[in-house]
Amino acid sequence: MSDAQSTPATAPAAPLLRAARGTHPEQVFCNGSILTMDGPAPKYVEALVISGGTIVFVGDESTARERFPAAEPRDLDGAALLPGFIDAHSHFSAAFDLADRVNVGPPSLGHCTDIATVLQTLEAFRVSRSIGPGEWLIGYGYDQEALTENRHITVNDLDALFPDALVMLVHVSSHGAVLNSAALQWAGINATTQTPSGGVIARLPGSQDPAGLLMETAYMNLVVSKLPVLSPGDKLRLLDAAQQDYASQGYTHAQDGFVTVADLDLYQSAAAGGLLYLDIAVLGSFMEAPQWLGNPKYPTGSYSDGFKIAGLKVLQDGSPQGRTAYMRSPYLTGGLDGQADWCGEPMMPFESFAALVQGTLMHGVQLYTHVNGDAAIDQLIRAVEQTGTTAADDLRTVAIHSQFQHPEQLADYVRLGITPSYFTNHTFFWGDVHRANTGEGRAAFISPLKSALEKGLVVSNHSDFPVTALNPFFMIFTATNRTTRSGNILGPHERVSGYQALRALTTGPAFQLFEEHRKGMLKVGMLADLVMLDVDPLTAVADAVKDIQVLETIKEDVTVFRR
């Protein structure tokens, strides 16, 4: 959860926020840096007027005063005003789960730098929550690459301190975890368990006994599918705090990037009850597609009380930092379980993946695909080609992450109408890891924003929360600097301008959502979705952009967060 000092505008109840929209008097903003994001180059105006939940004037202050004499004055006092940020890809419902988990990530996500501090953090959380034998003790943000030992924690490390609790360290990629013996026994995983296709069960040296690490399908099918889940009532009680996490970072639109049918029902219930004051777009799970895809109970592509099902999400590979992304050529560092010539694996056979792509588009539903490695990207391109669709059909298939691309694949994206949502935070958090795993040349082209823009593609940038923090200013920093933890510049030719980085948080994701005519710019007729900042990101000095603070977030003329 965010540690922002906030004054949530939600008392006494969230439904009042939605009901208040359109009832406020006209408001005129002036005396600040009002950046419209309208056009390929920065454009500032003196005044902005909002009324009835929309923007009714953008221009000079004297005209605004003359045309709207009764408007309530909002003196920016030098602050910056921009369109509200649009979350291109994260996992909103992760905020529910994190309430009962402990952060074991490295700086700047957490404070764990070695195995000892991970174990100490787990133990302190166990004591504070009085977690007993047979109960779950779960850490999140675990990243072996950032530990001084430079290795994975094992079942033996965990068993020495936690012989009885069910311990799980969720990998920072969210694609795997390390379990202790009690948790492995709970999951029914032992020396005789076969590794599922597309998954990894690491084994202790010299034996078939599980080492604790499970990745991809081994983690999802053998563990995640069996975990206890919060009740709908518990999630509804956490809904306001989760929305405040996003609003405190300037987001007026959030995404939940992989949801079950049960969560579709939850969001529909929350929306009908007026509990959503941010727009929340979700991606339905491909694993449950037969239950919701084409079902009139779950309409797609349009909002109802702030909620919409934007499309279907399918995963076709894993994470590059976890060495489970599907690559054309082998990782230089081998596989997680010592495999030589390891390229990772696709999540499913190509024929099954292509059938999902075809079926999704056949239903008129937007397709979102998780593809990290170049071989997985090849499969996406091939699957879309087989449908016979091109850019002229304007389907806007979104390639989520799309990290290890090649230049010719960008040309394929242009031809087929595939739009990438990049993840430039990787350059900082795992840039050095990618250099070791794949070599300088391949690593330098990850998240190639500059090259994609030069090809004419519309792009977005995302945090993939909880993989990295929601902070949009850190995303601007990584997109414009591409500095690794060790201080290297990873692919300097792919650095973009501050304005281009902002477009990837506003106009880019709006386009990918088919909402470019209502969000992402300060323009007459657009929604009055605004964020007020203490510093204009385009004038922030050097890496100070990371430290910009959100002063206020406004959703359709209603303040939903004020610092």
Protein backbone atom coordinates (compact mmCIF):
# COMPACT_ATOMS: atom_id res chain seq x y z
CA MET A 1 0.00 0.00 0.00
CA SER A 2 1.07 3.57 -0.57
CA ASP A 3 2.60 5.54 2.26
CA ALA A 4 1.37 8.85 0.85
CA GLN A 5 -0.01 11.30 3.39
CA SER A 6 -3.45 11.66 1.89
CA THR A 7 -6.77 13.26 2.57
CA PRO A 8 -9.10 10.86 0.73
CA ALA A 9 -12.17 12.58 -0.59
CA THR A 10 -14.28 9.54 0.13
CA ALA A 11 -16.04 10.27 3.41
CA PRO A 12 -18.63 9.29 4.36
CA ALA A 13 -18.96 6.85 1.48
CA ALA A 14 -17.51 6.31 -1.97
CA PRO A 15 -20.92 6.36 -3.68
CA LEU A 16 -21.16 10.05 -2.84
CA LEU A 17 -18.16 10.75 -5.06
CA ARG A 18 -19.80 9.30 -8.14
CA ALA A 19 -23.07 11.01 -7.31
CA ALA A 20 -21.25 14.35 -7.00
CA ARG A 21 -20.03 14.31 -10.57
CA GLY A 22 -21.54 17.05 -12.66
CA THR A 23 -22.99 18.85 -9.64
CA HIS A 24 -19.98 21.02 -8.85
CA PRO A 25 -19.84 24.64 -10.04
CA GLU A 26 -17.57 25.50 -12.93
CA GLN A 27 -13.92 25.68 -11.91
CA VAL A 28 -11.21 27.70 -13.63
CA PHE A 29 -7.57 26.71 -13.12
CA CYS A 30 -4.86 29.27 -13.73
CA ASN A 31 -1.49 30.61 -12.49
CA GLY A 32 0.46 27.43 -13.14
CA SER A 33 2.00 25.20 -15.81
CA ILE A 34 -1.01 23.74 -17.61
CA LEU A 35 0.37 21.11 -20.00
CA THR A 36 -2.33 19.92 -22.40
CA MET A 37 -0.57 16.83 -23.92
CA ASP A 38 -2.50 17.75 -27.08
CA GLY A 39 -0.18 17.18 -30.02
CA PRO A 40 3.31 15.84 -30.75
CA ALA A 41 5.08 18.73 -28.97
CA PRO A 42 4.48 20.32 -25.52
CA LYS A 43 1.75 22.96 -25.46
CA TYR A 44 0.90 25.09 -22.44
CA VAL A 45 -2.17 27.25 -21.83
CA GLU A 46 -3.00 29.90 -19.25
CA ALA A 47 -6.36 28.56 -18.13
CA LEU A 48 -8.53 25.46 -18.01
CA VAL A 49 -12.25 25.39 -17.15
CA ILE A 50 -14.14 22.26 -16.14
CA SER A 51 -17.88 21.81 -15.70
CA GLY A 52 -20.23 18.85 -15.47
CA GLY A 53 -17.36 16.36 -15.39
CA THR A 54 -15.78 17.54 -18.63
CA ILE A 55 -13.36 20.17 -19.91
CA VAL A 56 -15.24 23.13 -21.38
CA PHE A 57 -12.42 25.60 -22.09
CA VAL A 58 -8.68 25.50 -22.75
CA GLY A 59 -6.88 28.74 -23.57
CA ASP A 60 -5.95 32.19 -22.29
CA GLU A 61 -6.97 33.39 -18.85
CA SER A 62 -8.73 36.60 -19.92
CA THR A 63 -11.08 34.70 -22.24
CA ALA A 64 -11.76 32.11 -19.55
CA ARG A 65 -12.72 34.82 -17.03
CA GLU A 66 -14.91 36.56 -19.59
CA ARG A 67 -16.77 33.45 -20.74
CA PHE A 68 -17.10 31.84 -17.32
CA PRO A 69 -17.47 34.71 -14.83
CA ALA A 70 -19.13 32.50 -12.19
CA ALA A 71 -16.44 29.81 -12.28
CA GLU A 72 -14.82 28.95 -8.95
CA PRO A 73 -11.17 30.11 -9.14
CA ARG A 74 -8.52 27.45 -8.62
CA ASP A 75 -5.15 29.15 -8.16
CA LEU A 76 -2.45 26.63 -9.03
CA ASP A 77 0.14 28.82 -7.31
CA GLY A 78 2.83 27.69 -9.73
CA ALA A 79 1.94 23.98 -9.67
CA ALA A 80 1.65 21.91 -12.83
CA LEU A 81 -1.67 20.62 -14.17
CA LEU A 82 -1.79 17.63 -16.53
CA PRO A 83 -4.30 15.00 -17.65
CA GLY A 84 -4.76 12.27 -15.08
CA PHE A 85 -2.36 9.38 -15.62
CA ILE A 86 -3.75 6.26 -17.30
CA ASP A 87 -2.47 2.96 -15.98
CA ALA A 88 -1.47 0.98 -19.06
CA HIS A 89 -0.86 -2.27 -17.22
CA SER A 90 -0.87 -3.29 -13.57
CA HIS A 91 -2.73 -5.64 -11.29
CA PHE A 92 -5.13 -3.55 -9.23
CA SER A 93 -6.39 -6.47 -7.16
CA ALA A 94 -2.82 -7.18 -5.98
CA ALA A 95 -3.41 -4.34 -3.53
CA PHE A 96 -5.95 -6.59 -1.80
CA ASP A 97 -3.46 -9.43 -1.36
CA LEU A 98 -0.58 -7.21 -0.25
CA ALA A 99 -2.52 -6.16 2.83
CA ASP A 100 -1.68 -9.56 4.34
CA ARG A 101 1.84 -9.94 2.90
CA VAL A 102 5.22 -8.50 3.78
CA ASN A 103 7.56 -6.66 1.42
CA VAL A 104 10.84 -8.59 1.05
CA GLY A 105 11.97 -6.67 -2.04
CA PRO A 106 15.29 -4.87 -2.49
CA PRO A 107 15.70 -1.09 -2.55
CA SER A 108 13.86 0.90 -3.84
CA LEU A 109 10.93 -1.51 -3.56
CA GLY A 110 11.86 -2.67 -0.06
CA HIS A 111 14.95 -2.94 2.14
CA CYS A 112 16.17 -6.54 1.75
CA THR A 113 19.71 -6.82 0.41
CA ASP A 114 20.68 -10.34 1.45
CA ILE A 115 19.16 -13.63 2.56
CA ALA A 116 19.50 -12.71 6.23
CA THR A 117 17.40 -9.55 5.88
CA VAL A 118 14.74 -11.45 3.93
CA LEU A 119 14.49 -14.00 6.73
CA GLN A 120 14.54 -11.30 9.42
CA THR A 121 11.74 -9.42 7.66
CA LEU A 122 9.67 -12.59 7.44
CA GLU A 123 10.23 -13.36 11.12
CA ALA A 124 9.30 -9.85 12.25
CA PHE A 125 6.09 -10.06 10.20
CA ARG A 126 5.30 -13.52 11.59
CA VAL A 127 5.60 -12.24 15.14
CA SER A 128 3.63 -9.05 14.49
CA ARG A 129 0.76 -11.01 12.92
CA SER A 130 0.96 -13.96 15.35
CA ILE A 131 1.21 -16.41 12.43
CA GLY A 132 1.22 -19.93 13.82
CA PRO A 133 1.93 -23.46 12.53
CA GLY A 134 -0.02 -24.33 9.41
CA GLU A 135 -0.79 -20.67 8.62
CA TRP A 136 0.48 -18.71 5.63
CA LEU A 137 3.50 -16.41 5.87
CA ILE A 138 3.91 -14.74 2.48
CA GLY A 139 6.51 -12.26 1.28
CA TYR A 140 6.32 -10.33 -1.99
CA GLY A 141 8.89 -8.56 -4.17
CA TYR A 142 11.48 -11.32 -3.67
CA ASP A 143 14.36 -10.81 -6.13
CA GLN A 144 17.33 -13.16 -5.93
CA GLU A 145 19.29 -11.04 -8.39
CA ALA A 146 19.47 -8.19 -5.87
CA LEU A 147 20.75 -10.34 -2.97
CA THR A 148 24.45 -10.21 -2.11
CA GLU A 149 24.59 -14.01 -2.25
CA ASN A 150 23.43 -13.83 -5.89
CA ARG A 151 21.43 -17.03 -5.60
CA HIS A 152 17.92 -18.18 -4.91
CA ILE A 153 16.79 -18.79 -1.36
CA THR A 154 16.11 -22.51 -0.94
CA VAL A 155 13.75 -24.71 0.97
CA ASN A 156 16.61 -25.41 3.41
CA ASP A 157 17.09 -21.70 4.16
CA LEU A 158 13.40 -21.33 4.95
CA ASP A 159 13.01 -24.58 6.90
CA ALA A 160 15.80 -23.65 9.31
CA LEU A 161 13.75 -20.75 10.67
CA PHE A 162 10.20 -21.68 9.68
CA PRO A 163 9.65 -25.43 10.03
CA ASP A 164 5.90 -25.23 10.65
CA ALA A 165 4.37 -22.14 8.98
CA LEU A 166 3.47 -22.27 5.28
CA VAL A 167 6.10 -19.92 3.84
CA MET A 168 6.07 -18.53 0.32
CA LEU A 169 8.27 -15.83 -1.22
CA VAL A 170 6.53 -14.52 -4.33
CA HIS A 171 9.07 -13.66 -7.01
CA VAL A 172 9.20 -10.03 -8.11
CA SER A 173 8.05 -11.10 -11.59
CA SER A 174 4.84 -12.52 -10.06
CA HIS A 175 5.56 -15.59 -12.18
CA GLY A 176 6.97 -17.80 -9.45
CA ALA A 177 7.79 -18.31 -5.80
CA VAL A 178 10.05 -20.10 -3.34
CA LEU A 179 8.27 -22.38 -0.84
CA ASN A 180 9.41 -24.09 2.34
CA SER A 181 8.82 -27.78 3.01
CA ALA A 182 5.51 -27.23 4.78
CA ALA A 183 4.16 -25.22 1.84
CA LEU A 184 5.49 -27.74 -0.70
CA GLN A 185 3.78 -30.54 1.23
CA TRP A 186 0.55 -28.49 1.30
CA ALA A 187 0.79 -28.15 -2.50
CA GLY A 188 1.50 -31.87 -2.94
CA ILE A 189 4.90 -31.25 -4.52
CA ASN A 190 7.69 -33.76 -3.85
CA ALA A 191 10.51 -35.63 -5.57
CA THR A 192 8.05 -37.59 -7.74
CA THR A 193 6.13 -34.55 -9.00
CA GLN A 194 6.51 -34.12 -12.73
CA THR A 195 7.40 -30.64 -13.95
CA PRO A 196 4.43 -29.37 -15.97
CA SER A 197 4.94 -28.17 -19.52
CA GLY A 198 5.95 -24.52 -19.56
CA GLY A 199 7.00 -24.60 -15.91
CA VAL A 200 10.04 -24.99 -13.66
CA ILE A 201 10.44 -27.03 -10.48
CA ALA A 202 14.03 -26.46 -9.33
CA ARG A 203 15.64 -29.48 -7.66
CA LEU A 204 18.28 -29.71 -4.95
CA PRO A 205 21.73 -30.63 -6.31
CA GLY A 206 22.18 -34.36 -6.75
CA SER A 207 18.53 -35.26 -6.12
CA GLN A 208 14.98 -34.86 -7.35
CA ASP A 209 13.86 -33.20 -4.12
CA PRO A 210 12.30 -29.78 -4.77
CA ALA A 211 14.64 -26.87 -3.98
CA GLY A 212 11.66 -24.64 -3.26
CA LEU A 213 11.63 -22.54 -6.45
CA LEU A 214 8.62 -22.92 -8.73
CA MET A 215 8.11 -20.83 -11.87
CA GLU A 216 5.41 -20.29 -14.48
CA THR A 217 2.90 -23.16 -14.87
CA ALA A 218 4.41 -25.06 -11.94
CA TYR A 219 3.67 -22.07 -9.72
CA MET A 220 0.32 -21.12 -11.24
CA ASN A 221 -1.16 -24.60 -11.61
CA LEU A 222 0.24 -26.29 -8.51
CA VAL A 223 0.15 -23.39 -6.03
CA VAL A 224 -1.79 -20.28 -7.07
CA SER A 225 -4.84 -22.25 -8.16
CA LYS A 226 -5.08 -23.76 -4.65
CA LEU A 227 -4.32 -20.74 -2.47
CA PRO A 228 -7.01 -19.43 -0.13
CA VAL A 229 -8.53 -16.22 -1.43
CA LEU A 230 -10.01 -13.22 0.27
CA SER A 231 -13.78 -13.18 0.47
CA PRO A 232 -15.69 -10.70 -1.72
CA GLY A 233 -16.61 -8.81 1.42
CA ASP A 234 -12.95 -8.47 2.45
CA LYS A 235 -12.02 -7.20 -1.01
CA LEU A 236 -14.83 -4.65 -1.01
CA ARG A 237 -13.60 -3.36 2.35
CA LEU A 238 -10.12 -2.90 0.85
CA LEU A 239 -11.39 -1.28 -2.34
CA ASP A 240 -11.13 2.31 -1.18
CA ALA A 241 -7.55 1.89 0.07
CA ALA A 242 -6.59 0.29 -3.24
CA GLN A 243 -8.09 3.17 -5.22
CA GLN A 244 -6.25 5.64 -3.01
CA ASP A 245 -2.98 3.88 -3.85
CA TYR A 246 -3.60 4.77 -7.49
CA ALA A 247 -5.14 8.21 -6.95
CA SER A 248 -2.22 9.23 -4.71
CA GLN A 249 0.08 8.64 -7.69
CA GLY A 250 -2.08 10.71 -10.03
CA TYR A 251 -3.95 7.90 -11.77
CA THR A 252 -7.57 8.49 -12.70
CA HIS A 253 -7.74 5.16 -14.53
CA ALA A 254 -6.48 1.80 -13.24
CA GLN A 255 -6.12 -1.61 -14.81
CA ASP A 256 -6.45 -5.09 -13.34
CA GLY A 257 -4.41 -7.07 -15.79
CA PHE A 258 -5.51 -10.68 -15.24
CA VAL A 259 -8.78 -11.39 -13.47
CA THR A 260 -10.89 -14.44 -12.74
CA VAL A 261 -14.61 -14.74 -13.33
CA ALA A 262 -15.10 -14.37 -9.56
CA ASP A 263 -13.33 -11.01 -9.73
CA LEU A 264 -15.42 -9.96 -12.74
CA ASP A 265 -18.46 -10.55 -10.55
CA LEU A 266 -16.86 -8.60 -7.70
CA TYR A 267 -16.11 -5.57 -9.87
CA GLN A 268 -19.59 -5.60 -11.36
CA SER A 269 -21.03 -5.63 -7.84
CA ALA A 270 -18.73 -2.81 -6.71
CA ALA A 271 -19.61 -0.71 -9.74
CA ALA A 272 -23.33 -1.23 -9.28
CA GLY A 273 -22.95 -0.16 -5.65
CA GLY A 274 -21.20 3.06 -6.64
CA LEU A 275 -17.93 2.03 -4.99
CA LEU A 276 -15.66 2.89 -7.92
CA TYR A 277 -14.56 6.51 -8.16
CA LEU A 278 -11.68 5.73 -10.50
CA ASP A 279 -12.25 4.06 -13.85
CA ILE A 280 -11.12 0.45 -13.64
CA ALA A 281 -10.59 -1.58 -16.80
CA VAL A 282 -9.88 -5.28 -16.40
CA LEU A 283 -8.51 -8.06 -18.58
CA GLY A 284 -10.30 -11.37 -18.31
CA SER A 285 -8.18 -14.48 -17.87
CA PHE A 286 -7.67 -16.71 -20.90
CA MET A 287 -7.73 -19.66 -18.51
CA GLU A 288 -11.43 -19.04 -17.82
CA ALA A 289 -12.34 -17.75 -21.27
CA PRO A 290 -15.05 -20.38 -21.85
CA GLN A 291 -16.93 -19.02 -18.82
CA TRP A 292 -16.98 -15.35 -19.80
CA LEU A 293 -15.91 -14.76 -23.40
CA GLY A 294 -19.05 -14.18 -25.43
CA ASN A 295 -21.25 -14.46 -22.33
CA PRO A 296 -23.77 -11.56 -22.34
CA LYS A 297 -23.38 -11.32 -18.56
CA TYR A 298 -19.86 -10.00 -19.18
CA PRO A 299 -20.06 -7.35 -21.92
CA THR A 300 -16.76 -5.96 -23.11
CA GLY A 301 -15.49 -2.61 -24.31
CA SER A 302 -17.89 -0.23 -22.54
CA TYR A 303 -18.18 1.25 -19.06
CA SER A 304 -20.86 0.68 -16.46
CA ASP A 305 -20.43 2.90 -13.38
CA GLY A 306 -16.68 3.17 -13.85
CA PHE A 307 -16.01 -0.48 -14.73
CA LYS A 308 -15.34 -2.17 -18.04
CA ILE A 309 -13.91 -5.42 -19.31
CA ALA A 310 -11.33 -4.11 -21.75
CA GLY A 311 -10.33 -7.43 -23.27
CA LEU A 312 -8.84 -10.87 -22.83
CA LYS A 313 -5.37 -11.45 -21.44
CA VAL A 314 -3.26 -14.40 -22.54
CA LEU A 315 0.23 -15.27 -21.33
CA GLN A 316 2.61 -16.91 -23.76
CA ASP A 317 5.88 -16.73 -21.84
CA GLY A 318 7.44 -15.70 -18.55
CA SER A 319 9.87 -13.08 -17.30
CA PRO A 320 13.35 -12.27 -18.65
CA GLN A 321 14.78 -11.58 -15.19
CA GLY A 322 13.45 -14.99 -14.14
CA ARG A 323 14.92 -16.54 -17.31
CA THR A 324 11.52 -17.90 -18.31
CA ALA A 325 10.86 -15.48 -21.18
CA TYR A 326 10.82 -17.44 -24.44
CA MET A 327 13.90 -16.48 -26.49
CA ARG A 328 15.17 -17.23 -29.99
CA SER A 329 18.69 -17.94 -28.72
CA PRO A 330 19.84 -19.38 -25.38
CA TYR A 331 20.42 -17.41 -22.21
CA LEU A 332 24.13 -16.96 -21.60
CA THR A 333 23.62 -18.03 -17.99
CA GLY A 334 21.66 -21.23 -18.68
CA GLY A 335 18.39 -22.36 -17.13
CA LEU A 336 17.07 -22.04 -13.60
CA ASP A 337 17.65 -25.72 -13.00
CA GLY A 338 21.06 -25.85 -14.67
CA GLN A 339 19.83 -26.51 -18.22
CA ALA A 340 22.32 -25.77 -20.98
CA ASP A 341 21.17 -24.01 -24.16
CA TRP A 342 18.11 -22.77 -22.29
CA CYS A 343 15.78 -20.52 -24.29
CA GLY A 344 12.82 -20.60 -21.96
CA GLU A 345 9.54 -22.11 -23.11
CA PRO A 346 6.21 -20.93 -24.44
CA MET A 347 3.34 -21.09 -21.99
CA MET A 348 1.37 -23.32 -24.37
CA PRO A 349 1.88 -24.95 -27.77
CA PHE A 350 1.63 -22.50 -30.65
CA GLU A 351 -1.51 -24.15 -32.01
CA SER A 352 -3.35 -23.57 -28.72
CA PHE A 353 -2.10 -19.99 -28.53
CA ALA A 354 -3.14 -19.25 -32.12
CA ALA A 355 -6.60 -20.70 -31.45
CA LEU A 356 -6.99 -18.35 -28.47
CA VAL A 357 -5.94 -15.39 -30.58
CA GLN A 358 -8.39 -16.36 -33.32
CA GLY A 359 -11.25 -16.99 -30.89
CA THR A 360 -10.76 -13.71 -29.05
CA LEU A 361 -10.75 -11.62 -32.21
CA MET A 362 -13.68 -13.61 -33.62
CA HIS A 363 -15.75 -12.52 -30.60
CA GLY A 364 -14.85 -8.89 -31.29
CA VAL A 365 -12.90 -8.70 -28.03
CA GLN A 366 -9.61 -6.80 -27.74
CA LEU A 367 -6.58 -9.05 -27.27
CA TYR A 368 -3.84 -8.36 -24.73
CA THR A 369 -0.88 -10.73 -24.83
CA HIS A 370 1.98 -11.12 -22.38
CA VAL A 371 5.07 -11.61 -24.55
CA ASN A 372 8.55 -10.80 -23.24
CA GLY A 373 11.01 -12.79 -25.32
CA ASP A 374 11.66 -12.44 -29.04
CA ALA A 375 10.48 -16.00 -29.71
CA ALA A 376 7.19 -15.32 -27.92
CA ILE A 377 6.83 -12.10 -29.92
CA ASP A 378 7.41 -14.14 -33.09
CA GLN A 379 4.51 -16.37 -32.07
CA LEU A 380 2.21 -13.38 -31.47
CA ILE A 381 3.05 -11.97 -34.90
CA ARG A 382 2.48 -15.34 -36.55
CA ALA A 383 -0.82 -15.91 -34.71
CA VAL A 384 -2.19 -12.49 -35.70
CA GLU A 385 -1.07 -13.06 -39.29
CA GLN A 386 -3.03 -16.29 -39.37
CA THR A 387 -6.24 -14.41 -38.50
CA GLY A 388 -5.88 -12.38 -41.68
CA THR A 389 -6.21 -9.07 -39.84
CA THR A 390 -3.98 -6.05 -40.43
CA ALA A 391 -3.57 -2.52 -39.10
CA ALA A 392 -6.42 -1.43 -41.36
CA ASP A 393 -8.83 -3.41 -39.16
CA ASP A 394 -7.88 -1.21 -36.16
CA LEU A 395 -8.14 -3.99 -33.57
CA ARG A 396 -5.28 -2.59 -31.46
CA THR A 397 -3.94 -5.87 -30.15
CA VAL A 398 -1.72 -4.93 -27.19
CA ALA A 399 1.64 -6.62 -26.71
CA ILE A 400 2.25 -6.35 -22.96
CA HIS A 401 5.92 -5.90 -21.96
CA SER A 402 7.23 -6.72 -25.46
CA GLN A 403 10.74 -6.48 -24.09
CA PHE A 404 13.27 -8.39 -26.17
CA GLN A 405 12.22 -7.22 -29.59
CA HIS A 406 14.08 -6.99 -32.86
CA PRO A 407 13.76 -4.07 -35.28
CA GLU A 408 11.97 -6.19 -37.89
CA GLN A 409 9.34 -7.10 -35.31
CA LEU A 410 8.51 -3.41 -34.94
CA ALA A 411 7.75 -3.33 -38.65
CA ASP A 412 5.47 -6.33 -38.15
CA TYR A 413 3.67 -4.47 -35.37
CA VAL A 414 3.05 -1.57 -37.74
CA ARG A 415 1.77 -3.89 -40.47
CA LEU A 416 -0.52 -5.89 -38.19
CA GLY A 417 -1.76 -3.08 -35.92
CA ILE A 418 -0.11 -4.43 -32.77
CA THR A 419 0.55 -1.72 -30.17
CA PRO A 420 3.23 -2.29 -27.49
CA SER A 421 2.96 -1.49 -23.79
CA TYR A 422 6.54 -1.28 -22.59
CA PHE A 423 8.10 -1.69 -19.15
CA THR A 424 11.11 0.64 -18.97
CA ASN A 425 11.54 0.14 -15.22
CA HIS A 426 13.33 -3.06 -16.23
CA THR A 427 16.29 -0.97 -17.38
CA PHE A 428 16.92 0.11 -13.80
CA PHE A 429 15.87 -2.88 -11.72
CA TRP A 430 17.14 -5.70 -13.99
CA GLY A 431 19.18 -4.02 -16.71
CA ASP A 432 22.42 -5.44 -15.32
CA VAL A 433 20.79 -8.87 -15.02
CA HIS A 434 19.67 -8.73 -18.66
CA ARG A 435 23.20 -7.81 -19.76
CA ALA A 436 24.54 -10.89 -17.99
CA ASN A 437 21.74 -13.16 -19.23
CA THR A 438 21.60 -12.06 -22.86
CA GLY A 439 24.60 -9.88 -23.68
CA GLU A 440 24.91 -6.13 -24.13
CA GLY A 441 23.45 -5.94 -27.63
CA ARG A 442 20.21 -7.78 -26.90
CA ALA A 443 19.73 -6.13 -23.53
CA ALA A 444 20.26 -2.64 -24.95
CA PHE A 445 17.16 -2.97 -27.15
CA ILE A 446 14.67 -3.88 -24.42
CA SER A 447 11.57 -1.67 -24.30
CA PRO A 448 12.64 0.20 -27.45
CA LEU A 449 10.40 3.25 -27.05
CA LYS A 450 12.45 5.47 -29.33
CA SER A 451 12.61 3.00 -32.19
CA ALA A 452 8.91 2.19 -31.87
CA LEU A 453 7.96 5.86 -32.01
CA GLU A 454 10.19 6.39 -35.03
CA LYS A 455 8.26 3.59 -36.76
CA GLY A 456 5.03 5.47 -36.08
CA LEU A 457 3.74 3.12 -33.39
CA VAL A 458 1.64 4.38 -30.49
CA VAL A 459 3.20 3.10 -27.26
CA SER A 460 2.47 3.08 -23.55
CA ASN A 461 4.64 2.48 -20.48
CA HIS A 462 3.61 0.67 -17.33
CA SER A 463 4.66 -0.36 -13.82
CA ASP A 464 3.22 -3.90 -13.79
CA PHE A 465 2.44 -3.25 -10.10
CA PRO A 466 3.16 -5.07 -7.84
CA VAL A 467 6.28 -6.03 -9.82
CA THR A 468 7.42 -2.40 -9.50
CA ALA A 469 5.84 0.51 -7.66
CA LEU A 470 2.99 2.51 -9.21
CA ASN A 471 5.10 5.69 -9.24
CA PRO A 472 4.66 7.26 -12.73
CA PHE A 473 7.57 9.63 -12.19
CA PHE A 474 9.98 6.73 -11.81
CA MET A 475 8.69 5.45 -15.16
CA ILE A 476 9.45 8.84 -16.69
CA PHE A 477 12.94 8.62 -15.19
CA THR A 478 13.62 5.14 -16.59
CA ALA A 479 12.23 6.02 -20.02
CA THR A 480 14.37 9.13 -20.32
CA ASN A 481 17.55 7.83 -18.66
CA ARG A 482 17.65 4.00 -18.97
CA THR A 483 20.19 3.87 -16.12
CA THR A 484 20.82 0.48 -14.49
CA ARG A 485 21.36 -0.09 -10.77
CA SER A 486 25.12 -0.08 -11.36
CA GLY A 487 24.98 3.23 -13.24
CA ASN A 488 25.33 1.94 -16.79
CA ILE A 489 23.21 3.40 -19.58
CA LEU A 490 21.35 0.49 -21.17
CA GLY A 491 20.68 1.37 -24.80
CA PRO A 492 21.22 5.15 -24.84
CA HIS A 493 19.74 5.28 -28.35
CA GLU A 494 16.36 4.21 -26.91
CA ARG A 495 16.06 7.10 -24.44
CA VAL A 496 13.09 9.37 -25.14
CA SER A 497 12.28 12.96 -24.24
CA GLY A 498 10.33 13.86 -21.13
CA TYR A 499 7.32 14.73 -23.25
CA GLN A 500 7.44 11.41 -25.08
CA ALA A 501 7.67 9.65 -21.72
CA LEU A 502 4.58 11.55 -20.52
CA ARG A 503 2.67 10.62 -23.66
CA ALA A 504 3.33 6.96 -22.82
CA LEU A 505 1.41 7.56 -19.55
CA THR A 506 -1.46 9.58 -21.06
CA THR A 507 -2.26 9.65 -24.77
CA GLY A 508 -0.59 6.28 -25.49
CA PRO A 509 -2.64 4.17 -23.07
CA ALA A 510 -5.78 6.14 -23.98
CA PHE A 511 -5.30 5.03 -27.59
CA GLN A 512 -4.72 1.42 -26.57
CA LEU A 513 -8.01 1.53 -24.65
CA PHE A 514 -9.93 3.03 -27.60
CA GLU A 515 -10.46 6.07 -25.34
CA GLU A 516 -8.30 8.67 -27.07
CA HIS A 517 -11.38 10.85 -27.62
CA ARG A 518 -12.20 11.12 -23.93
CA LYS A 519 -8.95 10.73 -21.94
CA GLY A 520 -5.28 11.56 -22.02
CA MET A 521 -5.40 15.25 -23.03
CA LEU A 522 -6.62 18.57 -21.71
CA LYS A 523 -8.97 19.39 -24.54
CA VAL A 524 -12.54 20.66 -24.79
CA GLY A 525 -14.96 17.74 -24.55
CA MET A 526 -12.53 15.44 -22.73
CA LEU A 527 -13.24 14.12 -19.25
CA ALA A 528 -12.16 16.42 -16.43
CA ASP A 529 -9.55 13.88 -15.28
CA LEU A 530 -6.68 15.95 -13.90
CA VAL A 531 -3.55 15.66 -11.80
CA MET A 532 -1.86 18.56 -10.04
CA LEU A 533 1.91 18.24 -9.41
CA ASP A 534 4.34 20.25 -7.34
CA VAL A 535 6.79 20.36 -10.27
CA ASP A 536 6.32 20.28 -14.04
CA PRO A 537 7.96 17.02 -15.18
CA LEU A 538 9.34 18.75 -18.28
CA THR A 539 11.28 21.27 -16.18
CA ALA A 540 12.50 18.91 -13.44
CA VAL A 541 16.28 18.90 -13.18
CA ALA A 542 18.13 15.67 -14.05
CA ASP A 543 16.81 12.71 -12.05
CA ALA A 544 14.73 14.94 -9.73
CA VAL A 545 11.72 13.88 -11.78
CA LYS A 546 11.61 10.79 -9.53
CA ASP A 547 10.78 13.01 -6.54
CA ILE A 548 7.79 14.87 -7.99
CA GLN A 549 4.77 14.84 -5.68
CA VAL A 550 1.09 14.60 -6.56
CA LEU A 551 -0.79 17.46 -4.88
CA GLU A 552 -4.31 16.60 -6.02
CA THR A 553 -6.07 14.13 -8.28
CA ILE A 554 -9.42 15.02 -9.83
CA LYS A 555 -11.72 12.52 -11.52
CA GLU A 556 -14.50 14.07 -13.63
CA ASP A 557 -14.38 17.31 -11.62
CA VAL A 558 -14.41 15.58 -8.20
CA THR A 559 -11.27 15.61 -6.03
CA VAL A 560 -10.47 12.01 -5.15
CA PHE A 561 -7.07 12.64 -3.55
CA ARG A 562 -5.45 15.65 -1.93
CA ARG A 563 -2.05 15.58 -0.28
